[in-house]
C-alpha atoms as a PDB file:
ATOM      1  CA  UNK A   1    -143.507  35.358 -99.155  1.00  0.00           C
ATOM      2  CA  UNK A   2    -143.576  35.749 -95.333  1.00  0.00           C
ATOM      3  CA  UNK A   3    -144.678  39.100 -93.877  1.00  0.00           C
ATOM      4  CA  UNK A   4    -143.366  40.850 -90.771  1.00  0.00           C
ATOM      5  CA  UNK A   5    -145.886  43.043 -88.999  1.00  0.00           C
ATOM      6  CA  UNK A   6    -144.413  44.790 -86.034  1.00  0.00           C
ATOM      7  CA  UNK A   7    -142.270  47.665 -84.745  1.00  0.00           C
ATOM      8  CA  UNK A   8    -140.664  48.819 -87.974  1.00  0.00           C
ATOM      9  CA  UNK A   9    -138.226  51.214 -86.443  1.00  0.00           C
ATOM     10  CA  UNK A  10    -134.542  52.059 -86.077  1.00  0.00           C
ATOM     11  CA  UNK A  11    -132.029  50.752 -83.568  1.00  0.00           C
ATOM     12  CA  UNK A  12    -129.461  53.351 -82.416  1.00  0.00           C
ATOM     13  CA  UNK A  13    -126.817  51.144 -80.783  1.00  0.00           C
ATOM     14  CA  UNK A  14    -124.196  52.633 -78.507  1.00  0.00           C
ATOM     15  CA  UNK A  15    -121.613  50.559 -76.609  1.00  0.00           C
ATOM     16  CA  UNK A  16    -120.089  52.195 -73.542  1.00  0.00           C
ATOM     17  CA  UNK A  17    -117.904  51.047 -70.635  1.00  0.00           C
ATOM     18  CA  UNK A  18    -120.592  50.921 -68.036  1.00  0.00           C
ATOM     19  CA  UNK A  19    -124.192  51.843 -67.870  1.00  0.00           C
ATOM     20  CA  UNK A  20    -124.045  53.751 -64.580  1.00  0.00           C
ATOM     21  CA  UNK A  21    -123.727  57.261 -65.900  1.00  0.00           C
ATOM     22  CA  UNK A  22    -123.896  60.427 -63.752  1.00  0.00           C
ATOM     23  CA  UNK A  23    -124.484  64.013 -64.923  1.00  0.00           C
ATOM     24  CA  UNK A  24    -121.272  65.528 -66.463  1.00  0.00           C
ATOM     25  CA  UNK A  25    -119.652  62.037 -66.827  1.00  0.00           C
ATOM     26  CA  UNK A  26    -117.724  61.510 -70.069  1.00  0.00           C
ATOM     27  CA  UNK A  27    -117.404  57.857 -71.359  1.00  0.00           C
ATOM     28  CA  UNK A  28    -115.749  56.635 -74.366  1.00  0.00           C
ATOM     29  CA  UNK A  29    -118.159  55.087 -77.028  1.00  0.00           C
ATOM     30  CA  UNK A  30    -116.587  51.944 -78.597  1.00  0.00           C
ATOM     31  CA  UNK A  31    -119.344  51.113 -80.991  1.00  0.00           C
ATOM     32  CA  UNK A  32    -122.082  53.241 -82.659  1.00  0.00           C
ATOM     33  CA  UNK A  33    -124.605  52.276 -85.370  1.00  0.00           C
ATOM     34  CA  UNK A  34    -127.989  53.521 -86.680  1.00  0.00           C
ATOM     35  CA  UNK A  35    -130.010  51.140 -88.856  1.00  0.00           C
ATOM     36  CA  UNK A  36    -133.128  49.030 -89.091  1.00  0.00           C
ATOM     37  CA  UNK A  37    -134.253  47.535 -85.698  1.00  0.00           C
ATOM     38  CA  UNK A  38    -137.177  46.000 -83.880  1.00  0.00           C
ATOM     39  CA  UNK A  39    -139.174  43.603 -85.996  1.00  0.00           C
ATOM     40  CA  UNK A  40    -136.891  44.563 -88.967  1.00  0.00           C
ATOM     41  CA  UNK A  41    -134.310  42.259 -87.239  1.00  0.00           C
ATOM     42  CA  UNK A  42    -136.649  39.342 -87.829  1.00  0.00           C
ATOM     43  CA  UNK A  43    -137.193  40.334 -91.363  1.00  0.00           C
ATOM     44  CA  UNK A  44    -133.518  40.663 -92.100  1.00  0.00           C
ATOM     45  CA  UNK A  45    -132.496  37.458 -90.355  1.00  0.00           C
ATOM     46  CA  UNK A  46    -135.224  35.649 -92.223  1.00  0.00           C
ATOM     47  CA  UNK A  47    -133.993  37.071 -95.486  1.00  0.00           C
ATOM     48  CA  UNK A  48    -130.363  36.020 -94.575  1.00  0.00           C
ATOM     49  CA  UNK A  49    -131.709  32.487 -94.159  1.00  0.00           C
ATOM     50  CA  UNK A  50    -133.019  32.554 -97.673  1.00  0.00           C
ATOM     51  CA  UNK A  51    -136.745  33.303 -97.112  1.00  0.00           C
ATOM     52  CA  UNK A  52    -138.699  35.698 -99.280  1.00  0.00           C
ATOM     53  CA  UNK A  53    -139.696  38.480 -96.883  1.00  0.00           C
ATOM     54  CA  UNK A  54    -141.974  41.537 -96.946  1.00  0.00           C
ATOM     55  CA  UNK A  55    -142.622  44.192 -94.314  1.00  0.00           C
ATOM     56  CA  UNK A  56    -146.002  45.580 -93.186  1.00  0.00           C
ATOM     57  CA  UNK A  57    -145.882  48.590 -91.027  1.00  0.00           C
ATOM     58  CA  UNK A  58    -145.692  52.401 -90.824  1.00  0.00           C
ATOM     59  CA  UNK A  59    -142.873  54.859 -90.826  1.00  0.00           C
ATOM     60  CA  UNK A  60    -142.724  58.718 -90.872  1.00  0.00           C
ATOM     61  CA  UNK A  61    -141.444  60.666 -93.807  1.00  0.00           C
ATOM     62  CA  UNK A  62    -138.352  61.506 -91.941  1.00  0.00           C
ATOM     63  CA  UNK A  63    -134.636  60.685 -91.999  1.00  0.00           C
ATOM     64  CA  UNK A  64    -135.096  57.663 -89.645  1.00  0.00           C
ATOM     65  CA  UNK A  65    -137.868  56.349 -91.778  1.00  0.00           C
ATOM     66  CA  UNK A  66    -135.646  56.695 -94.893  1.00  0.00           C
ATOM     67  CA  UNK A  67    -132.837  54.826 -93.086  1.00  0.00           C
ATOM     68  CA  UNK A  68    -135.158  52.001 -92.165  1.00  0.00           C
ATOM     69  CA  UNK A  69    -136.720  51.562 -95.556  1.00  0.00           C
ATOM     70  CA  UNK A  70    -133.426  51.801 -97.381  1.00  0.00           C
ATOM     71  CA  UNK A  71    -131.766  49.416 -94.933  1.00  0.00           C
ATOM     72  CA  UNK A  72    -134.558  46.847 -95.349  1.00  0.00           C
ATOM     73  CA  UNK A  73    -134.443  47.136 -99.163  1.00  0.00           C
ATOM     74  CA  UNK A  74    -130.668  46.643 -99.179  1.00  0.00           C
ATOM     75  CA  UNK A  75    -131.251  43.390 -97.334  1.00  0.00           C
ATOM     76  CA  UNK A  76    -133.710  42.165 -99.906  1.00  0.00           C
ATOM     77  CA  UNK A  77    -136.840  42.808 -97.833  1.00  0.00           C
ATOM     78  CA  UNK A  78    -139.934  44.051 -99.822  1.00  0.00           C
ATOM     79  CA  UNK A  79    -141.008  47.399 -98.338  1.00  0.00           C
ATOM     80  CA  UNK A  80    -143.595  48.290-101.038  1.00  0.00           C
ATOM     81  CA  UNK A  81    -146.487  47.801 -98.647  1.00  0.00           C
ATOM     82  CA  UNK A  82    -144.971  49.912 -95.782  1.00  0.00           C
ATOM     83  CA  UNK A  83    -147.082  53.058 -95.243  1.00  0.00           C
ATOM     84  CA  UNK A  84    -145.141  56.292 -95.114  1.00  0.00           C
ATOM     85  CA  UNK A  85    -147.023  59.017 -93.102  1.00  0.00           C
ATOM     86  CA  UNK A  86    -145.961  62.491 -94.047  1.00  0.00           C
ATOM     87  CA  UNK A  87    -146.540  64.175 -90.651  1.00  0.00           C
ATOM     88  CA  UNK A  88    -145.379  61.287 -88.497  1.00  0.00           C
ATOM     89  CA  UNK A  89    -142.044  60.525 -86.862  1.00  0.00           C
ATOM     90  CA  UNK A  90    -140.492  57.080 -86.897  1.00  0.00           C
ATOM     91  CA  UNK A  91    -139.791  55.377 -83.597  1.00  0.00           C
ATOM     92  CA  UNK A  92    -136.249  54.789 -82.433  1.00  0.00           C
ATOM     93  CA  UNK A  93    -134.886  52.279 -79.903  1.00  0.00           C
ATOM     94  CA  UNK A  94    -131.729  53.639 -78.320  1.00  0.00           C
ATOM     95  CA  UNK A  95    -129.741  50.579 -77.192  1.00  0.00           C
ATOM     96  CA  UNK A  96    -127.075  51.075 -74.644  1.00  0.00           C
ATOM     97  CA  UNK A  97    -124.679  48.203 -74.243  1.00  0.00           C
ATOM     98  CA  UNK A  98    -122.283  47.672 -71.336  1.00  0.00           C
ATOM     99  CA  UNK A  99    -118.957  45.911 -71.503  1.00  0.00           C
ATOM    100  CA  UNK A 100    -120.736  42.499 -70.928  1.00  0.00           C
ATOM    101  CA  UNK A 101    -122.915  43.062 -74.056  1.00  0.00           C
ATOM    102  CA  UNK A 102    -126.162  43.418 -72.004  1.00  0.00           C
ATOM    103  CA  UNK A 103    -128.498  46.010 -73.463  1.00  0.00           C
ATOM    104  CA  UNK A 104    -130.636  48.678 -71.798  1.00  0.00           C
ATOM    105  CA  UNK A 105    -133.312  50.447 -73.925  1.00  0.00           C
ATOM    106  CA  UNK A 106    -134.367  54.096 -74.221  1.00  0.00           C
ATOM    107  CA  UNK A 107    -137.355  54.077 -76.536  1.00  0.00           C
ATOM    108  CA  UNK A 108    -138.537  57.112 -78.561  1.00  0.00           C
ATOM    109  CA  UNK A 109    -142.061  56.154 -79.541  1.00  0.00           C
ATOM    110  CA  UNK A 110    -142.344  58.485 -82.559  1.00  0.00           C
ATOM    111  CA  UNK A 111    -145.778  59.665 -83.689  1.00  0.00           C
ATOM    112  CA  UNK A 112    -147.270  56.960 -85.985  1.00  0.00           C
ATOM    113  CA  UNK A 113    -150.915  57.314 -86.844  1.00  0.00           C
ATOM    114  CA  UNK A 114    -152.147  54.022 -88.264  1.00  0.00           C
ATOM    115  CA  UNK A 115    -155.097  52.894 -86.083  1.00  0.00           C
ATOM    116  CA  UNK A 116    -156.555  49.836 -87.909  1.00  0.00           C
ATOM    117  CA  UNK A 117    -155.500  47.083 -90.312  1.00  0.00           C
ATOM    118  CA  UNK A 118    -155.512  48.619 -93.855  1.00  0.00           C
ATOM    119  CA  UNK A 119    -157.893  46.829 -96.143  1.00  0.00           C
ATOM    120  CA  UNK A 120    -155.077  46.397 -98.762  1.00  0.00           C
ATOM    121  CA  UNK A 121    -153.102  44.333 -96.327  1.00  0.00           C
ATOM    122  CA  UNK A 122    -155.870  41.778 -95.723  1.00  0.00           C
ATOM    123  CA  UNK A 123    -155.426  39.832 -99.036  1.00  0.00           C
ATOM    124  CA  UNK A 124    -151.675  40.084 -98.710  1.00  0.00           C
ATOM    125  CA  UNK A 125    -151.837  38.327 -95.339  1.00  0.00           C
ATOM    126  CA  UNK A 126    -154.334  35.862 -96.497  1.00  0.00           C
ATOM    127  CA  UNK A 127    -152.164  34.856 -99.367  1.00  0.00           C
ATOM    128  CA  UNK A 128    -148.891  34.884 -97.440  1.00  0.00           C
ATOM    129  CA  UNK A 129    -146.619  31.920 -96.742  1.00  0.00           C
ATOM    130  CA  UNK A 130    -146.518  32.998 -93.055  1.00  0.00           C
ATOM    131  CA  UNK A 131    -147.127  35.992 -90.802  1.00  0.00           C
ATOM    132  CA  UNK A 132    -144.908  37.244 -87.955  1.00  0.00           C
ATOM    133  CA  UNK A 133    -146.101  39.876 -85.465  1.00  0.00           C
ATOM    134  CA  UNK A 134    -144.810  41.122 -82.121  1.00  0.00           C
ATOM    135  CA  UNK A 135    -146.277  42.827 -79.084  1.00  0.00           C
ATOM    136  CA  UNK A 136    -144.091  45.844 -78.475  1.00  0.00           C
ATOM    137  CA  UNK A 137    -146.869  48.192 -79.642  1.00  0.00           C
ATOM    138  CA  UNK A 138    -145.446  51.734 -80.225  1.00  0.00           C
ATOM    139  CA  UNK A 139    -148.891  53.287 -79.782  1.00  0.00           C
ATOM    140  CA  UNK A 140    -152.481  52.372 -78.878  1.00  0.00           C
ATOM    141  CA  UNK A 141    -153.541  51.462 -82.456  1.00  0.00           C
ATOM    142  CA  UNK A 142    -151.078  48.589 -82.745  1.00  0.00           C
ATOM    143  CA  UNK A 143    -152.940  45.988 -80.626  1.00  0.00           C
ATOM    144  CA  UNK A 144    -156.086  46.152 -82.817  1.00  0.00           C
ATOM    145  CA  UNK A 145    -153.847  45.902 -86.006  1.00  0.00           C
ATOM    146  CA  UNK A 146    -152.035  42.874 -84.887  1.00  0.00           C
ATOM    147  CA  UNK A 147    -155.026  41.024 -83.587  1.00  0.00           C
ATOM    148  CA  UNK A 148    -156.941  41.730 -86.797  1.00  0.00           C
ATOM    149  CA  UNK A 149    -153.962  40.489 -88.865  1.00  0.00           C
ATOM    150  CA  UNK A 150    -153.691  37.305 -86.811  1.00  0.00           C
ATOM    151  CA  UNK A 151    -157.413  36.663 -87.347  1.00  0.00           C
ATOM    152  CA  UNK A 152    -157.058  37.004 -91.056  1.00  0.00           C
ATOM    153  CA  UNK A 153    -154.094  34.628 -91.074  1.00  0.00           C
ATOM    154  CA  UNK A 154    -156.009  32.068 -88.959  1.00  0.00           C
ATOM    155  CA  UNK A 155    -159.118  32.259 -91.116  1.00  0.00           C
ATOM    156  CA  UNK A 156    -156.897  31.751 -94.308  1.00  0.00           C
ATOM    157  CA  UNK A 157    -154.920  28.912 -92.768  1.00  0.00           C
ATOM    158  CA  UNK A 158    -151.653  30.909 -92.865  1.00  0.00           C
ATOM    159  CA  UNK A 159    -149.141  29.972 -90.196  1.00  0.00           C
ATOM    160  CA  UNK A 160    -148.656  32.849 -87.805  1.00  0.00           C
ATOM    161  CA  UNK A 161    -145.833  33.573 -85.277  1.00  0.00           C
ATOM    162  CA  UNK A 162    -146.301  35.908 -82.243  1.00  0.00           C
ATOM    163  CA  UNK A 163    -143.699  37.213 -79.785  1.00  0.00           C
ATOM    164  CA  UNK A 164    -145.174  39.337 -77.142  1.00  0.00           C
ATOM    165  CA  UNK A 165    -142.025  40.876 -75.860  1.00  0.00           C
ATOM    166  CA  UNK A 166    -142.345  43.007 -72.802  1.00  0.00           C
ATOM    167  CA  UNK A 167    -145.126  45.249 -74.323  1.00  0.00           C
ATOM    168  CA  UNK A 168    -145.648  48.851 -73.975  1.00  0.00           C
ATOM    169  CA  UNK A 169    -145.861  50.010 -70.368  1.00  0.00           C
ATOM    170  CA  UNK A 170    -148.002  52.932 -71.431  1.00  0.00           C
ATOM    171  CA  UNK A 171    -150.856  50.776 -72.684  1.00  0.00           C
ATOM    172  CA  UNK A 172    -152.789  47.716 -71.433  1.00  0.00           C
ATOM    173  CA  UNK A 173    -151.007  44.654 -72.626  1.00  0.00           C
ATOM    174  CA  UNK A 174    -153.869  42.268 -71.903  1.00  0.00           C
ATOM    175  CA  UNK A 175    -154.306  41.923 -75.613  1.00  0.00           C
ATOM    176  CA  UNK A 176    -151.117  39.723 -75.641  1.00  0.00           C
ATOM    177  CA  UNK A 177    -153.200  36.783 -74.337  1.00  0.00           C
ATOM    178  CA  UNK A 178    -155.574  36.878 -77.278  1.00  0.00           C
ATOM    179  CA  UNK A 179    -152.800  37.332 -79.804  1.00  0.00           C
ATOM    180  CA  UNK A 180    -150.942  34.328 -78.279  1.00  0.00           C
ATOM    181  CA  UNK A 181    -154.059  32.127 -78.566  1.00  0.00           C
ATOM    182  CA  UNK A 182    -154.485  33.118 -82.235  1.00  0.00           C
ATOM    183  CA  UNK A 183    -150.912  32.393 -83.210  1.00  0.00           C
ATOM    184  CA  UNK A 184    -149.793  29.074 -84.713  1.00  0.00           C
ATOM    185  CA  UNK A 185    -146.432  29.463 -83.032  1.00  0.00           C
ATOM    186  CA  UNK A 186    -145.861  31.370 -79.771  1.00  0.00           C
ATOM    187  CA  UNK A 187    -142.321  32.610 -78.896  1.00  0.00           C
ATOM    188  CA  UNK A 188    -141.854  33.906 -75.361  1.00  0.00           C
ATOM    189  CA  UNK A 189    -139.322  34.224 -72.645  1.00  0.00           C
ATOM    190  CA  UNK A 190    -140.025  32.445 -69.302  1.00  0.00           C
ATOM    191  CA  UNK A 191    -141.042  35.784 -67.723  1.00  0.00           C
ATOM    192  CA  UNK A 192    -143.425  36.539 -70.649  1.00  0.00           C
ATOM    193  CA  UNK A 193    -144.857  33.109 -70.552  1.00  0.00           C
ATOM    194  CA  UNK A 194    -145.441  33.492 -66.804  1.00  0.00           C
ATOM    195  CA  UNK A 195    -147.210  36.786 -67.450  1.00  0.00           C
ATOM    196  CA  UNK A 196    -149.451  35.304 -70.061  1.00  0.00           C
ATOM    197  CA  UNK A 197    -150.318  32.118 -68.190  1.00  0.00           C
ATOM    198  CA  UNK A 198    -150.044  32.863 -64.505  1.00  0.00           C
ATOM    199  CA  UNK A 199    -147.993  29.715 -64.089  1.00  0.00           C
ATOM    200  CA  UNK A 200    -144.581  29.843 -62.400  1.00  0.00           C
ATOM    201  CA  UNK A 201    -143.198  26.587 -63.775  1.00  0.00           C
ATOM    202  CA  UNK A 202    -142.063  27.300 -67.476  1.00  0.00           C
ATOM    203  CA  UNK A 203    -143.150  23.871 -68.708  1.00  0.00           C
ATOM    204  CA  UNK A 204    -146.629  24.111 -67.085  1.00  0.00           C
ATOM    205  CA  UNK A 205    -146.772  27.635 -68.444  1.00  0.00           C
ATOM    206  CA  UNK A 206    -146.071  26.436 -71.935  1.00  0.00           C
ATOM    207  CA  UNK A 207    -148.617  23.613 -71.679  1.00  0.00           C
ATOM    208  CA  UNK A 208    -151.330  26.015 -70.660  1.00  0.00           C
ATOM    209  CA  UNK A 209    -150.533  28.416 -73.419  1.00  0.00           C
ATOM    210  CA  UNK A 210    -150.532  25.574 -75.872  1.00  0.00           C
ATOM    211  CA  UNK A 211    -153.945  24.497 -74.746  1.00  0.00           C
ATOM    212  CA  UNK A 212    -155.339  27.937 -75.626  1.00  0.00           C
ATOM    213  CA  UNK A 213    -154.785  27.538 -79.351  1.00  0.00           C
ATOM    214  CA  UNK A 214    -151.160  27.471 -80.434  1.00  0.00           C
ATOM    215  CA  UNK A 215    -149.646  24.432 -82.144  1.00  0.00           C
ATOM    216  CA  UNK A 216    -146.066  25.131 -81.007  1.00  0.00           C
ATOM    217  CA  UNK A 217    -144.797  27.081 -77.982  1.00  0.00           C
ATOM    218  CA  UNK A 218    -141.113  28.133 -77.911  1.00  0.00           C
ATOM    219  CA  UNK A 219    -139.795  29.322 -74.607  1.00  0.00           C
ATOM    220  CA  UNK A 220    -136.577  31.395 -74.972  1.00  0.00           C
ATOM    221  CA  UNK A 221    -134.116  31.096 -72.111  1.00  0.00           C
ATOM    222  CA  UNK A 222    -131.248  33.283 -73.185  1.00  0.00           C
ATOM    223  CA  UNK A 223    -127.884  31.634 -72.769  1.00  0.00           C
ATOM    224  CA  UNK A 224    -129.632  28.557 -71.301  1.00  0.00           C
ATOM    225  CA  UNK A 225    -131.205  27.846 -74.855  1.00  0.00           C
ATOM    226  CA  UNK A 226    -134.873  27.148 -75.395  1.00  0.00           C
ATOM    227  CA  UNK A 227    -137.393  24.507 -75.122  1.00  0.00           C
ATOM    228  CA  UNK A 228    -140.152  23.625 -77.608  1.00  0.00           C
ATOM    229  CA  UNK A 229    -143.539  22.091 -76.783  1.00  0.00           C
ATOM    230  CA  UNK A 230    -146.270  20.619 -78.964  1.00  0.00           C
ATOM    231  CA  UNK A 231    -149.286  18.620 -77.972  1.00  0.00           C
ATOM    232  CA  UNK A 232    -147.280  15.443 -78.551  1.00  0.00           C
ATOM    233  CA  UNK A 233    -143.700  16.302 -77.670  1.00  0.00           C
ATOM    234  CA  UNK A 234    -141.281  18.344 -75.616  1.00  0.00           C
ATOM    235  CA  UNK A 235    -137.724  19.063 -76.572  1.00  0.00           C
ATOM    236  CA  UNK A 236    -135.184  20.864 -74.374  1.00  0.00           C
ATOM    237  CA  UNK A 237    -132.429  22.499 -76.411  1.00  0.00           C
ATOM    238  CA  UNK A 238    -129.530  23.524 -74.128  1.00  0.00           C
ATOM    239  CA  UNK A 239    -127.773  26.785 -74.813  1.00  0.00           C
ATOM    240  CA  UNK A 240    -124.461  26.956 -76.616  1.00  0.00           C
ATOM    241  CA  UNK A 241    -121.519  28.098 -74.590  1.00  0.00           C
ATOM    242  CA  UNK A 242    -120.292  31.092 -76.524  1.00  0.00           C
ATOM    243  CA  UNK A 243    -118.827  34.474 -75.398  1.00  0.00           C
ATOM    244  CA  UNK A 244    -121.474  37.110 -75.877  1.00  0.00           C
ATOM    245  CA  UNK A 245    -120.489  40.441 -77.228  1.00  0.00           C
ATOM    246  CA  UNK A 246    -124.032  41.817 -77.737  1.00  0.00           C
ATOM    247  CA  UNK A 247    -127.263  40.100 -76.785  1.00  0.00           C
ATOM    248  CA  UNK A 248    -129.400  42.613 -78.702  1.00  0.00           C
ATOM    249  CA  UNK A 249    -131.393  40.959 -81.433  1.00  0.00           C
ATOM    250  CA  UNK A 250    -130.603  37.419 -80.265  1.00  0.00           C
ATOM    251  CA  UNK A 251    -134.328  36.679 -79.702  1.00  0.00           C
ATOM    252  CA  UNK A 252    -135.252  38.183 -83.064  1.00  0.00           C
ATOM    253  CA  UNK A 253    -132.638  36.016 -84.742  1.00  0.00           C
ATOM    254  CA  UNK A 254    -134.035  32.896 -83.036  1.00  0.00           C
ATOM    255  CA  UNK A 255    -137.557  33.837 -84.089  1.00  0.00           C
ATOM    256  CA  UNK A 256    -136.538  34.023 -87.657  1.00  0.00           C
ATOM    257  CA  UNK A 257    -134.761  30.707 -87.389  1.00  0.00           C
ATOM    258  CA  UNK A 258    -137.968  29.122 -85.958  1.00  0.00           C
ATOM    259  CA  UNK A 259    -139.980  30.534 -88.875  1.00  0.00           C
ATOM    260  CA  UNK A 260    -137.530  29.183 -91.378  1.00  0.00           C
ATOM    261  CA  UNK A 261    -137.478  25.714 -89.644  1.00  0.00           C
ATOM    262  CA  UNK A 262    -141.164  25.500 -89.242  1.00  0.00           C
ATOM    263  CA  UNK A 263    -141.839  26.289 -92.858  1.00  0.00           C
ATOM    264  CA  UNK A 264    -139.216  23.742 -93.935  1.00  0.00           C
ATOM    265  CA  UNK A 265    -140.692  20.984 -91.784  1.00  0.00           C
ATOM    266  CA  UNK A 266    -137.878  20.592 -89.295  1.00  0.00           C
ATOM    267  CA  UNK A 267    -138.644  18.465 -86.217  1.00  0.00           C
ATOM    268  CA  UNK A 268    -138.345  19.880 -82.730  1.00  0.00           C
ATOM    269  CA  UNK A 269    -134.752  18.792 -82.143  1.00  0.00           C
ATOM    270  CA  UNK A 270    -133.537  20.437 -85.374  1.00  0.00           C
ATOM    271  CA  UNK A 271    -135.688  23.488 -84.730  1.00  0.00           C
ATOM    272  CA  UNK A 272    -134.065  23.844 -81.205  1.00  0.00           C
ATOM    273  CA  UNK A 273    -130.530  23.449 -82.810  1.00  0.00           C
ATOM    274  CA  UNK A 274    -131.194  25.998 -85.565  1.00  0.00           C
ATOM    275  CA  UNK A 275    -132.709  28.536 -83.078  1.00  0.00           C
ATOM    276  CA  UNK A 276    -129.909  28.199 -80.636  1.00  0.00           C
ATOM    277  CA  UNK A 277    -127.149  28.288 -83.346  1.00  0.00           C
ATOM    278  CA  UNK A 278    -128.640  31.366 -84.847  1.00  0.00           C
ATOM    279  CA  UNK A 279    -129.004  33.193 -81.531  1.00  0.00           C
ATOM    280  CA  UNK A 280    -125.434  32.244 -80.523  1.00  0.00           C
ATOM    281  CA  UNK A 281    -124.085  33.407 -83.883  1.00  0.00           C
ATOM    282  CA  UNK A 282    -125.797  36.746 -83.201  1.00  0.00           C
ATOM    283  CA  UNK A 283    -124.448  37.403 -79.705  1.00  0.00           C
ATOM    284  CA  UNK A 284    -120.925  37.095 -81.000  1.00  0.00           C
ATOM    285  CA  UNK A 285    -121.574  40.153 -83.281  1.00  0.00           C
ATOM    286  CA  UNK A 286    -122.057  43.778 -82.285  1.00  0.00           C
ATOM    287  CA  UNK A 287    -125.159  45.575 -83.467  1.00  0.00           C
ATOM    288  CA  UNK A 288    -128.431  44.516 -85.133  1.00  0.00           C
ATOM    289  CA  UNK A 289    -129.928  44.995 -88.548  1.00  0.00           C
ATOM    290  CA  UNK A 290    -127.198  44.693 -91.125  1.00  0.00           C
ATOM    291  CA  UNK A 291    -124.946  42.855 -88.648  1.00  0.00           C
ATOM    292  CA  UNK A 292    -127.220  39.931 -88.040  1.00  0.00           C
ATOM    293  CA  UNK A 293    -125.575  36.500 -88.776  1.00  0.00           C
ATOM    294  CA  UNK A 294    -125.066  35.048 -92.310  1.00  0.00           C
ATOM    295  CA  UNK A 295    -126.040  31.551 -93.313  1.00  0.00           C
ATOM    296  CA  UNK A 296    -122.283  30.684 -93.233  1.00  0.00           C
ATOM    297  CA  UNK A 297    -121.945  31.951 -89.666  1.00  0.00           C
ATOM    298  CA  UNK A 298    -124.996  29.899 -88.552  1.00  0.00           C
ATOM    299  CA  UNK A 299    -123.774  26.717 -90.315  1.00  0.00           C
ATOM    300  CA  UNK A 300    -120.373  27.279 -88.698  1.00  0.00           C
ATOM    301  CA  UNK A 301    -122.190  27.371 -85.289  1.00  0.00           C
ATOM    302  CA  UNK A 302    -124.217  24.221 -86.046  1.00  0.00           C
ATOM    303  CA  UNK A 303    -121.050  22.358 -87.044  1.00  0.00           C
ATOM    304  CA  UNK A 304    -119.089  23.610 -84.135  1.00  0.00           C
ATOM    305  CA  UNK A 305    -121.547  22.088 -81.657  1.00  0.00           C
ATOM    306  CA  UNK A 306    -122.105  18.928 -83.414  1.00  0.00           C
ATOM    307  CA  UNK A 307    -125.458  19.411 -85.082  1.00  0.00           C
ATOM    308  CA  UNK A 308    -126.111  17.261 -88.247  1.00  0.00           C
ATOM    309  CA  UNK A 309    -128.323  20.101 -89.610  1.00  0.00           C
ATOM    310  CA  UNK A 310    -126.878  22.277 -92.352  1.00  0.00           C
ATOM    311  CA  UNK A 311    -128.726  25.110 -94.208  1.00  0.00           C
END
């Protein structure tokens, strides 16, 4: 089983005509959904791809927490190890989409209380097939939890995947550099890689990050695709020309595809094909969580653009 350790929260997705809203304005909402979001998207997409997935995290004993846990369970994700804190509130990412499908985020941090890696999670991580963690960090306790989990995975020889994301502007995100060096696979946008490495050129940035300890660096480039770098090889995977309805969750979908491909021994070219196809399948669908692509939709995208890979 692979385990997802990250921002176990809800996405509240609202699509409106334009994001420029003034007081007393009234705009029509064309899409509205509340369900699992954040790192839950990686868990659900990985489950859609056929992986056995469990979640590690914390939610509050509130309506949002119930929605998150029930939604993950409905998608086949094991939530038995998620901690439910009675007097905490579950975080929510309010996702505002404009007519182009580009998101803006209004984050409600909640009031989670977990400040260190629980002892009962350590053997679970050490015996896992893989560990995924992200760097969003809803509160100040998350960096220490993620770093401890990545150390456990490394000591046990468990492949780990880390996506720093933009981080939390309210805390010091310097910990991302240590997490990136501990991870077997680092997934980052060009801007995130530049922030971690100080290098402007994305390839040089990836090479520097690779030298710090990762085995594979995947640089996400949005509609331009991605490139993948190991000590021995570089593969550039051009983006797929599809009409995007909603870019939310595309990076999470790609991350799940990379986890699946890495664990199944795919080479860099096939990893790039699968990551791009999964991301492209996602941007054609509104919402996140339950609306992430199916295997059939990913396969259709692979076939449409001439990849020999089939799941």
